[in-house]
Amino acid sequence: MAAKPRVGIFDFTGCEGCELNHLNFEEQLLDILEHVDIVEWREAMDERADELDIAFVEGSLSTPDCITRINAIRRKSKILVAVGACAVQGGVNAMKNLQPIEAVREEVYGEDKYLFPTLPALPLSAVVKVDHEIRGCPMTQIEFLKVFTALVMGKRPVETDHAVCVECKLRENECVYDKGMVCLGPVTRGGCAAICPSFGQYCTGCRGLVSDANPAAMEQILVDHGLAAEEARKKLQLFNANQLEGTQS
């Protein structure tokens, strides 16, 4: 019988919400453990592994120690999967990149700022090769299972590159713009089954931008629906500051 794939789960700068979603699998957890051996996971065990078949990594990179750790994980992993908005595009953490880094240190740490080295918040792909991505804040369990199943079967996961609006149409949702709300669905990458609009909320853009996004047109739509230009820009920046402002280099 072939050995099970050895899996590690890791976290960097973030709220660890994606990791908590791993623990919430409940009914599927036993099926997952039947197909892989989880050999490293700080939230669940003390063991450390020298080699991994698959590493699932959440969080952005924001300190020199993060850079050292992600390179170590990449070297010992055959496949590395970025999990969640912070790991994929820098997420909310990247909003700090819009300010001078010294001003950020001063605001957060005050007189102790020299004790805490910090960097611009980066997605994993800015530092190491990322093989696959699972988007969202947090990642959805359905999407994780799709990627997990494909990798365990030796297949390449299919990544969505259509707008959330497509999934709203498929679910026959009333457009939230018709309800007097604003929404980033036209430029946000789908794959979440339009979960927020389906439950009466607007899309915040947590899954990143589609590859052919037109942020300027999206910003104008927000302004046309009542937002000030600055507020419209901030909505777009919330999860996508690095991509919009080129702040991740």
C-alpha atoms as a PDB file:
ATOM      1  CA  MET A   1       0.000   0.000   0.000  1.00  0.00           C
ATOM      2  CA  ALA A   2       1.388   3.403  -0.988  1.00  0.00           C
ATOM      3  CA  ALA A   3       2.330   5.756   1.829  1.00  0.00           C
ATOM      4  CA  LYS A   4      -0.065   8.579   2.521  1.00  0.00           C
ATOM      5  CA  PRO A   5       1.006  12.086   1.481  1.00  0.00           C
ATOM      6  CA  ARG A   6       2.693  13.923   4.338  1.00  0.00           C
ATOM      7  CA  VAL A   7       0.977  17.258   4.997  1.00  0.00           C
ATOM      8  CA  GLY A   8       2.001  20.313   6.999  1.00  0.00           C
ATOM      9  CA  ILE A   9      -0.171  23.314   7.897  1.00  0.00           C
ATOM     10  CA  PHE A  10       1.537  26.630   8.649  1.00  0.00           C
ATOM     11  CA  ASP A  11       0.608  30.204   9.554  1.00  0.00           C
ATOM     12  CA  PHE A  12       2.220  33.592   9.218  1.00  0.00           C
ATOM     13  CA  THR A  13       0.825  37.108   9.769  1.00  0.00           C
ATOM     14  CA  GLY A  14      -2.959  36.896   9.997  1.00  0.00           C
ATOM     15  CA  CYS A  15      -5.883  36.029  12.216  1.00  0.00           C
ATOM     16  CA  GLU A  16      -5.553  32.240  11.687  1.00  0.00           C
ATOM     17  CA  GLY A  17      -9.180  32.104  10.552  1.00  0.00           C
ATOM     18  CA  CYS A  18      -8.309  29.777   7.681  1.00  0.00           C
ATOM     19  CA  GLU A  19      -6.660  27.364  10.100  1.00  0.00           C
ATOM     20  CA  LEU A  20      -9.716  27.462  12.322  1.00  0.00           C
ATOM     21  CA  ASN A  21     -11.757  26.491   9.287  1.00  0.00           C
ATOM     22  CA  HIS A  22      -9.586  23.384   8.976  1.00  0.00           C
ATOM     23  CA  LEU A  23     -10.603  22.425  12.506  1.00  0.00           C
ATOM     24  CA  ASN A  24     -14.276  23.017  11.658  1.00  0.00           C
ATOM     25  CA  PHE A  25     -14.435  20.263   9.049  1.00  0.00           C
ATOM     26  CA  GLU A  26     -16.076  17.898  11.556  1.00  0.00           C
ATOM     27  CA  GLU A  27     -17.736  15.273   9.306  1.00  0.00           C
ATOM     28  CA  GLN A  28     -15.023  15.506   6.628  1.00  0.00           C
ATOM     29  CA  LEU A  29     -12.071  15.448   9.042  1.00  0.00           C
ATOM     30  CA  LEU A  30     -11.943  11.667   9.345  1.00  0.00           C
ATOM     31  CA  ASP A  31     -12.073  11.319   5.558  1.00  0.00           C
ATOM     32  CA  ILE A  32      -9.186  13.784   5.238  1.00  0.00           C
ATOM     33  CA  LEU A  33      -7.107  11.898   7.787  1.00  0.00           C
ATOM     34  CA  GLU A  34      -7.823   8.655   5.948  1.00  0.00           C
ATOM     35  CA  HIS A  35      -6.001   9.977   2.872  1.00  0.00           C
ATOM     36  CA  VAL A  36      -3.102  11.972   4.356  1.00  0.00           C
ATOM     37  CA  ASP A  37      -0.838  12.076   7.368  1.00  0.00           C
ATOM     38  CA  ILE A  38      -0.760  15.529   8.982  1.00  0.00           C
ATOM     39  CA  VAL A  39       2.772  15.583  10.337  1.00  0.00           C
ATOM     40  CA  GLU A  40       3.238  19.262  11.240  1.00  0.00           C
ATOM     41  CA  TRP A  41       0.666  21.753  12.495  1.00  0.00           C
ATOM     42  CA  ARG A  42       1.364  24.189  15.310  1.00  0.00           C
ATOM     43  CA  GLU A  43      -2.294  24.492  16.334  1.00  0.00           C
ATOM     44  CA  ALA A  44      -2.728  20.753  16.797  1.00  0.00           C
ATOM     45  CA  MET A  45       0.646  19.089  17.506  1.00  0.00           C
ATOM     46  CA  ASP A  46       4.232  19.640  18.654  1.00  0.00           C
ATOM     47  CA  GLU A  47       5.974  17.457  16.055  1.00  0.00           C
ATOM     48  CA  ARG A  48       8.131  18.842  13.236  1.00  0.00           C
ATOM     49  CA  ALA A  49       8.763  17.193   9.861  1.00  0.00           C
ATOM     50  CA  ASP A  50      11.873  17.217   7.667  1.00  0.00           C
ATOM     51  CA  GLU A  51       9.996  16.520   4.417  1.00  0.00           C
ATOM     52  CA  LEU A  52       6.462  17.264   3.228  1.00  0.00           C
ATOM     53  CA  ASP A  53       4.449  16.308   0.191  1.00  0.00           C
ATOM     54  CA  ILE A  54       2.033  19.217   0.621  1.00  0.00           C
ATOM     55  CA  ALA A  55       2.299  22.385   2.703  1.00  0.00           C
ATOM     56  CA  PHE A  56      -0.819  24.497   3.266  1.00  0.00           C
ATOM     57  CA  VAL A  57       0.259  27.994   4.326  1.00  0.00           C
ATOM     58  CA  GLU A  58      -1.866  30.908   5.510  1.00  0.00           C
ATOM     59  CA  GLY A  59      -0.921  34.475   6.397  1.00  0.00           C
ATOM     60  CA  SER A  60       1.165  37.193   4.788  1.00  0.00           C
ATOM     61  CA  LEU A  61       4.909  37.703   5.211  1.00  0.00           C
ATOM     62  CA  SER A  62       5.683  40.789   7.275  1.00  0.00           C
ATOM     63  CA  THR A  63       8.941  40.255   9.204  1.00  0.00           C
ATOM     64  CA  PRO A  64      12.463  39.026   8.419  1.00  0.00           C
ATOM     65  CA  ASP A  65      11.660  35.868  10.398  1.00  0.00           C
ATOM     66  CA  CYS A  66       8.701  35.232   8.072  1.00  0.00           C
ATOM     67  CA  ILE A  67      11.054  35.301   5.080  1.00  0.00           C
ATOM     68  CA  THR A  68      13.390  32.790   6.727  1.00  0.00           C
ATOM     69  CA  ARG A  69      10.550  30.464   7.713  1.00  0.00           C
ATOM     70  CA  ILE A  70       8.733  30.449   4.361  1.00  0.00           C
ATOM     71  CA  ASN A  71      11.958  29.620   2.542  1.00  0.00           C
ATOM     72  CA  ALA A  72      12.546  26.725   4.941  1.00  0.00           C
ATOM     73  CA  ILE A  73       8.996  25.437   4.348  1.00  0.00           C
ATOM     74  CA  ARG A  74       9.381  25.763   0.584  1.00  0.00           C
ATOM     75  CA  ARG A  75      12.653  23.802   0.579  1.00  0.00           C
ATOM     76  CA  LYS A  76      11.136  20.824   2.366  1.00  0.00           C
ATOM     77  CA  SER A  77       7.779  20.772   0.508  1.00  0.00           C
ATOM     78  CA  LYS A  78       7.013  19.210  -2.861  1.00  0.00           C
ATOM     79  CA  ILE A  79       3.826  21.275  -3.224  1.00  0.00           C
ATOM     80  CA  LEU A  80       3.081  24.581  -1.506  1.00  0.00           C
ATOM     81  CA  VAL A  81      -0.489  25.911  -1.367  1.00  0.00           C
ATOM     82  CA  ALA A  82      -1.242  29.512  -0.338  1.00  0.00           C
ATOM     83  CA  VAL A  83      -4.430  29.548   1.747  1.00  0.00           C
ATOM     84  CA  GLY A  84      -6.586  32.629   2.218  1.00  0.00           C
ATOM     85  CA  ALA A  85      -6.428  36.282   1.207  1.00  0.00           C
ATOM     86  CA  CYS A  86      -3.379  37.138   3.314  1.00  0.00           C
ATOM     87  CA  ALA A  87      -1.260  34.371   1.792  1.00  0.00           C
ATOM     88  CA  VAL A  88      -2.534  34.856  -1.766  1.00  0.00           C
ATOM     89  CA  GLN A  89      -2.502  38.642  -2.157  1.00  0.00           C
ATOM     90  CA  GLY A  90      -1.327  40.111   1.152  1.00  0.00           C
ATOM     91  CA  GLY A  91      -4.887  40.647   2.350  1.00  0.00           C
ATOM     92  CA  VAL A  92      -5.949  43.310   4.817  1.00  0.00           C
ATOM     93  CA  ASN A  93      -2.393  43.342   6.200  1.00  0.00           C
ATOM     94  CA  ALA A  94      -1.187  45.005   2.997  1.00  0.00           C
ATOM     95  CA  MET A  95      -3.071  48.180   3.892  1.00  0.00           C
ATOM     96  CA  LYS A  96      -0.051  49.067   6.022  1.00  0.00           C
ATOM     97  CA  ASN A  97       2.021  49.219   2.838  1.00  0.00           C
ATOM     98  CA  LEU A  98       0.186  52.417   1.895  1.00  0.00           C
ATOM     99  CA  GLN A  99       2.002  54.223   4.735  1.00  0.00           C
ATOM    100  CA  PRO A 100       5.727  54.774   5.335  1.00  0.00           C
ATOM    101  CA  ILE A 101       6.996  51.681   7.136  1.00  0.00           C
ATOM    102  CA  GLU A 102       8.583  53.740   9.939  1.00  0.00           C
ATOM    103  CA  ALA A 103       5.285  55.517  10.567  1.00  0.00           C
ATOM    104  CA  VAL A 104       3.569  52.142  10.871  1.00  0.00           C
ATOM    105  CA  ARG A 105       6.154  50.908  13.398  1.00  0.00           C
ATOM    106  CA  GLU A 106       5.743  54.102  15.421  1.00  0.00           C
ATOM    107  CA  GLU A 107       1.935  53.779  15.430  1.00  0.00           C
ATOM    108  CA  VAL A 108       1.922  50.117  16.479  1.00  0.00           C
ATOM    109  CA  TYR A 109       4.906  49.834  18.828  1.00  0.00           C
ATOM    110  CA  GLY A 110       5.574  53.391  20.001  1.00  0.00           C
ATOM    111  CA  GLU A 111       8.885  53.796  21.805  1.00  0.00           C
ATOM    112  CA  ASP A 112       9.542  50.040  21.487  1.00  0.00           C
ATOM    113  CA  LYS A 113       9.484  50.169  17.666  1.00  0.00           C
ATOM    114  CA  TYR A 114      13.185  49.305  17.358  1.00  0.00           C
ATOM    115  CA  LEU A 115      12.560  45.964  19.075  1.00  0.00           C
ATOM    116  CA  PHE A 116      10.210  44.780  16.322  1.00  0.00           C
ATOM    117  CA  PRO A 117      11.609  44.599  12.787  1.00  0.00           C
ATOM    118  CA  THR A 118       8.885  44.749  10.168  1.00  0.00           C
ATOM    119  CA  LEU A 119       8.515  44.603   6.394  1.00  0.00           C
ATOM    120  CA  PRO A 120       5.768  45.461   3.915  1.00  0.00           C
ATOM    121  CA  ALA A 121       3.090  42.750   4.089  1.00  0.00           C
ATOM    122  CA  LEU A 122       3.743  40.385   1.188  1.00  0.00           C
ATOM    123  CA  PRO A 123       1.879  37.462  -0.370  1.00  0.00           C
ATOM    124  CA  LEU A 124       3.783  34.176  -0.326  1.00  0.00           C
ATOM    125  CA  SER A 125       4.345  34.366  -4.079  1.00  0.00           C
ATOM    126  CA  ALA A 126       6.475  37.504  -3.644  1.00  0.00           C
ATOM    127  CA  VAL A 127       9.136  35.391  -1.927  1.00  0.00           C
ATOM    128  CA  VAL A 128       8.744  31.720  -2.918  1.00  0.00           C
ATOM    129  CA  LYS A 129       7.129  29.640  -5.636  1.00  0.00           C
ATOM    130  CA  VAL A 130       3.465  28.955  -4.889  1.00  0.00           C
ATOM    131  CA  ASP A 131       1.997  25.933  -6.667  1.00  0.00           C
ATOM    132  CA  HIS A 132      -1.703  26.491  -5.940  1.00  0.00           C
ATOM    133  CA  GLU A 133      -3.960  29.041  -4.255  1.00  0.00           C
ATOM    134  CA  ILE A 134      -7.110  28.799  -2.158  1.00  0.00           C
ATOM    135  CA  ARG A 135      -8.641  32.248  -1.929  1.00  0.00           C
ATOM    136  CA  GLY A 136     -10.986  34.010   0.446  1.00  0.00           C
ATOM    137  CA  CYS A 137     -11.156  35.513   3.924  1.00  0.00           C
ATOM    138  CA  PRO A 138     -11.404  32.969   5.268  1.00  0.00           C
ATOM    139  CA  MET A 139     -10.987  30.183   2.734  1.00  0.00           C
ATOM    140  CA  THR A 140     -14.169  28.189   2.235  1.00  0.00           C
ATOM    141  CA  GLN A 141     -14.211  24.562   3.270  1.00  0.00           C
ATOM    142  CA  ILE A 142     -15.804  23.506  -0.037  1.00  0.00           C
ATOM    143  CA  GLU A 143     -12.980  25.047  -2.046  1.00  0.00           C
ATOM    144  CA  PHE A 144     -10.330  23.601   0.253  1.00  0.00           C
ATOM    145  CA  LEU A 145     -11.800  20.128  -0.203  1.00  0.00           C
ATOM    146  CA  LYS A 146     -11.772  20.533  -3.996  1.00  0.00           C
ATOM    147  CA  VAL A 147      -8.090  21.473  -4.001  1.00  0.00           C
ATOM    148  CA  PHE A 148      -7.222  18.856  -1.394  1.00  0.00           C
ATOM    149  CA  THR A 149      -9.000  16.098  -3.329  1.00  0.00           C
ATOM    150  CA  ALA A 150      -7.315  17.038  -6.592  1.00  0.00           C
ATOM    151  CA  LEU A 151      -3.840  17.065  -5.022  1.00  0.00           C
ATOM    152  CA  VAL A 152      -4.334  13.731  -3.243  1.00  0.00           C
ATOM    153  CA  MET A 153      -5.452  12.225  -6.568  1.00  0.00           C
ATOM    154  CA  GLY A 154      -2.388  13.628  -8.310  1.00  0.00           C
ATOM    155  CA  LYS A 155      -4.402  16.113 -10.377  1.00  0.00           C
ATOM    156  CA  ARG A 156      -3.986  19.849 -10.862  1.00  0.00           C
ATOM    157  CA  PRO A 157      -6.725  21.900  -9.150  1.00  0.00           C
ATOM    158  CA  VAL A 158      -8.719  24.206 -11.401  1.00  0.00           C
ATOM    159  CA  GLU A 159      -8.614  27.844 -10.314  1.00  0.00           C
ATOM    160  CA  THR A 160     -11.603  30.064 -10.934  1.00  0.00           C
ATOM    161  CA  ASP A 161     -11.047  33.238 -12.956  1.00  0.00           C
ATOM    162  CA  HIS A 162     -14.520  34.642 -13.451  1.00  0.00           C
ATOM    163  CA  ALA A 163     -16.212  37.400 -11.481  1.00  0.00           C
ATOM    164  CA  VAL A 164     -18.435  36.849  -8.458  1.00  0.00           C
ATOM    165  CA  CYS A 165     -21.240  38.382 -10.554  1.00  0.00           C
ATOM    166  CA  VAL A 166     -21.271  35.200 -12.669  1.00  0.00           C
ATOM    167  CA  GLU A 167     -22.050  33.126  -9.592  1.00  0.00           C
ATOM    168  CA  CYS A 168     -24.741  35.574  -8.465  1.00  0.00           C
ATOM    169  CA  LYS A 169     -26.428  35.107 -11.854  1.00  0.00           C
ATOM    170  CA  LEU A 170     -26.188  31.324 -11.537  1.00  0.00           C
ATOM    171  CA  ARG A 171     -27.814  31.503  -8.112  1.00  0.00           C
ATOM    172  CA  GLU A 172     -30.472  33.911  -9.443  1.00  0.00           C
ATOM    173  CA  ASN A 173     -29.596  36.490  -6.797  1.00  0.00           C
ATOM    174  CA  GLU A 174     -31.051  39.951  -7.007  1.00  0.00           C
ATOM    175  CA  CYS A 175     -28.153  42.341  -7.627  1.00  0.00           C
ATOM    176  CA  VAL A 176     -27.270  44.128  -4.402  1.00  0.00           C
ATOM    177  CA  TYR A 177     -26.927  47.366  -6.396  1.00  0.00           C
ATOM    178  CA  ASP A 178     -30.677  47.115  -6.942  1.00  0.00           C
ATOM    179  CA  LYS A 179     -31.029  47.032  -3.146  1.00  0.00           C
ATOM    180  CA  GLY A 180     -29.193  50.332  -2.741  1.00  0.00           C
ATOM    181  CA  MET A 181     -25.859  48.714  -1.796  1.00  0.00           C
ATOM    182  CA  VAL A 182     -22.460  48.777  -3.482  1.00  0.00           C
ATOM    183  CA  CYS A 183     -20.469  45.658  -4.310  1.00  0.00           C
ATOM    184  CA  LEU A 184     -17.053  44.613  -5.664  1.00  0.00           C
ATOM    185  CA  GLY A 185     -18.445  41.507  -7.369  1.00  0.00           C
ATOM    186  CA  PRO A 186     -17.741  42.781 -10.923  1.00  0.00           C
ATOM    187  CA  VAL A 187     -13.936  42.710 -10.386  1.00  0.00           C
ATOM    188  CA  THR A 188     -13.586  40.033  -7.690  1.00  0.00           C
ATOM    189  CA  ARG A 189     -12.579  36.484  -8.513  1.00  0.00           C
ATOM    190  CA  GLY A 190     -15.354  33.955  -7.936  1.00  0.00           C
ATOM    191  CA  GLY A 191     -15.216  30.437  -6.557  1.00  0.00           C
ATOM    192  CA  CYS A 192     -17.121  31.191  -3.363  1.00  0.00           C
ATOM    193  CA  ALA A 193     -20.578  30.592  -4.859  1.00  0.00           C
ATOM    194  CA  ALA A 194     -21.283  34.292  -4.228  1.00  0.00           C
ATOM    195  CA  ILE A 195     -21.740  33.512  -0.550  1.00  0.00           C
ATOM    196  CA  CYS A 196     -21.902  37.127   0.668  1.00  0.00           C
ATOM    197  CA  PRO A 197     -24.483  38.464  -1.838  1.00  0.00           C
ATOM    198  CA  SER A 198     -26.472  35.259  -1.408  1.00  0.00           C
ATOM    199  CA  PHE A 199     -26.940  36.132   2.262  1.00  0.00           C
ATOM    200  CA  GLY A 200     -27.733  39.791   1.740  1.00  0.00           C
ATOM    201  CA  GLN A 201     -24.227  41.230   2.008  1.00  0.00           C
ATOM    202  CA  TYR A 202     -22.073  42.908  -0.608  1.00  0.00           C
ATOM    203  CA  CYS A 203     -18.816  41.450  -1.934  1.00  0.00           C
ATOM    204  CA  THR A 204     -15.790  43.019  -0.204  1.00  0.00           C
ATOM    205  CA  GLY A 205     -13.233  41.721  -2.710  1.00  0.00           C
ATOM    206  CA  CYS A 206     -11.536  39.271  -0.365  1.00  0.00           C
ATOM    207  CA  ARG A 207     -10.768  36.775  -3.128  1.00  0.00           C
ATOM    208  CA  GLY A 208      -8.618  39.172  -5.125  1.00  0.00           C
ATOM    209  CA  LEU A 209      -9.122  40.587  -8.589  1.00  0.00           C
ATOM    210  CA  VAL A 210      -9.975  38.665 -11.740  1.00  0.00           C
ATOM    211  CA  SER A 211      -7.114  38.633 -14.232  1.00  0.00           C
ATOM    212  CA  ASP A 212      -8.877  41.062 -16.596  1.00  0.00           C
ATOM    213  CA  ALA A 213     -10.205  43.411 -13.902  1.00  0.00           C
ATOM    214  CA  ASN A 214     -10.725  47.106 -14.630  1.00  0.00           C
ATOM    215  CA  PRO A 215     -10.286  48.735 -11.198  1.00  0.00           C
ATOM    216  CA  ALA A 216     -10.703  52.264 -12.579  1.00  0.00           C
ATOM    217  CA  ALA A 217     -14.120  51.407 -14.023  1.00  0.00           C
ATOM    218  CA  MET A 218     -15.079  49.668 -10.768  1.00  0.00           C
ATOM    219  CA  GLU A 219     -14.056  52.733  -8.796  1.00  0.00           C
ATOM    220  CA  GLN A 220     -16.200  54.931 -11.041  1.00  0.00           C
ATOM    221  CA  ILE A 221     -19.194  52.626 -10.552  1.00  0.00           C
ATOM    222  CA  LEU A 222     -18.827  53.012  -6.789  1.00  0.00           C
ATOM    223  CA  VAL A 223     -18.658  56.776  -7.141  1.00  0.00           C
ATOM    224  CA  ASP A 224     -21.695  56.772  -9.437  1.00  0.00           C
ATOM    225  CA  HIS A 225     -23.565  54.924  -6.693  1.00  0.00           C
ATOM    226  CA  GLY A 226     -22.878  57.517  -4.061  1.00  0.00           C
ATOM    227  CA  LEU A 227     -19.403  56.945  -2.616  1.00  0.00           C
ATOM    228  CA  ALA A 228     -16.779  59.645  -2.400  1.00  0.00           C
ATOM    229  CA  ALA A 229     -13.742  58.923  -4.584  1.00  0.00           C
ATOM    230  CA  GLU A 230     -11.520  58.341  -1.544  1.00  0.00           C
ATOM    231  CA  GLU A 231     -14.019  55.938   0.020  1.00  0.00           C
ATOM    232  CA  ALA A 232     -14.370  54.037  -3.266  1.00  0.00           C
ATOM    233  CA  ARG A 233     -10.597  53.637  -3.493  1.00  0.00           C
ATOM    234  CA  LYS A 234     -10.387  52.396   0.087  1.00  0.00           C
ATOM    235  CA  LYS A 235     -13.008  49.728  -0.588  1.00  0.00           C
ATOM    236  CA  LEU A 236     -10.930  48.440  -3.487  1.00  0.00           C
ATOM    237  CA  GLN A 237      -7.734  48.581  -1.430  1.00  0.00           C
ATOM    238  CA  LEU A 238      -9.109  46.652   1.559  1.00  0.00           C
ATOM    239  CA  PHE A 239      -7.980  43.244   0.284  1.00  0.00           C
ATOM    240  CA  ASN A 240      -6.069  44.307  -2.811  1.00  0.00           C
ATOM    241  CA  ALA A 241      -3.706  47.108  -1.834  1.00  0.00           C
ATOM    242  CA  ASN A 242      -0.646  45.305  -3.187  1.00  0.00           C
ATOM    243  CA  GLN A 243      -2.195  44.640  -6.572  1.00  0.00           C
ATOM    244  CA  LEU A 244      -3.717  48.098  -6.997  1.00  0.00           C
ATOM    245  CA  GLU A 245      -0.849  50.194  -5.683  1.00  0.00           C
ATOM    246  CA  GLY A 246       2.162  48.019  -6.561  1.00  0.00           C
ATOM    247  CA  THR A 247       3.278  48.013  -2.922  1.00  0.00           C
ATOM    248  CA  GLN A 248       4.561  44.445  -2.616  1.00  0.00           C
ATOM    249  CA  SER A 249       8.040  44.896  -4.097  1.00  0.00           C
END
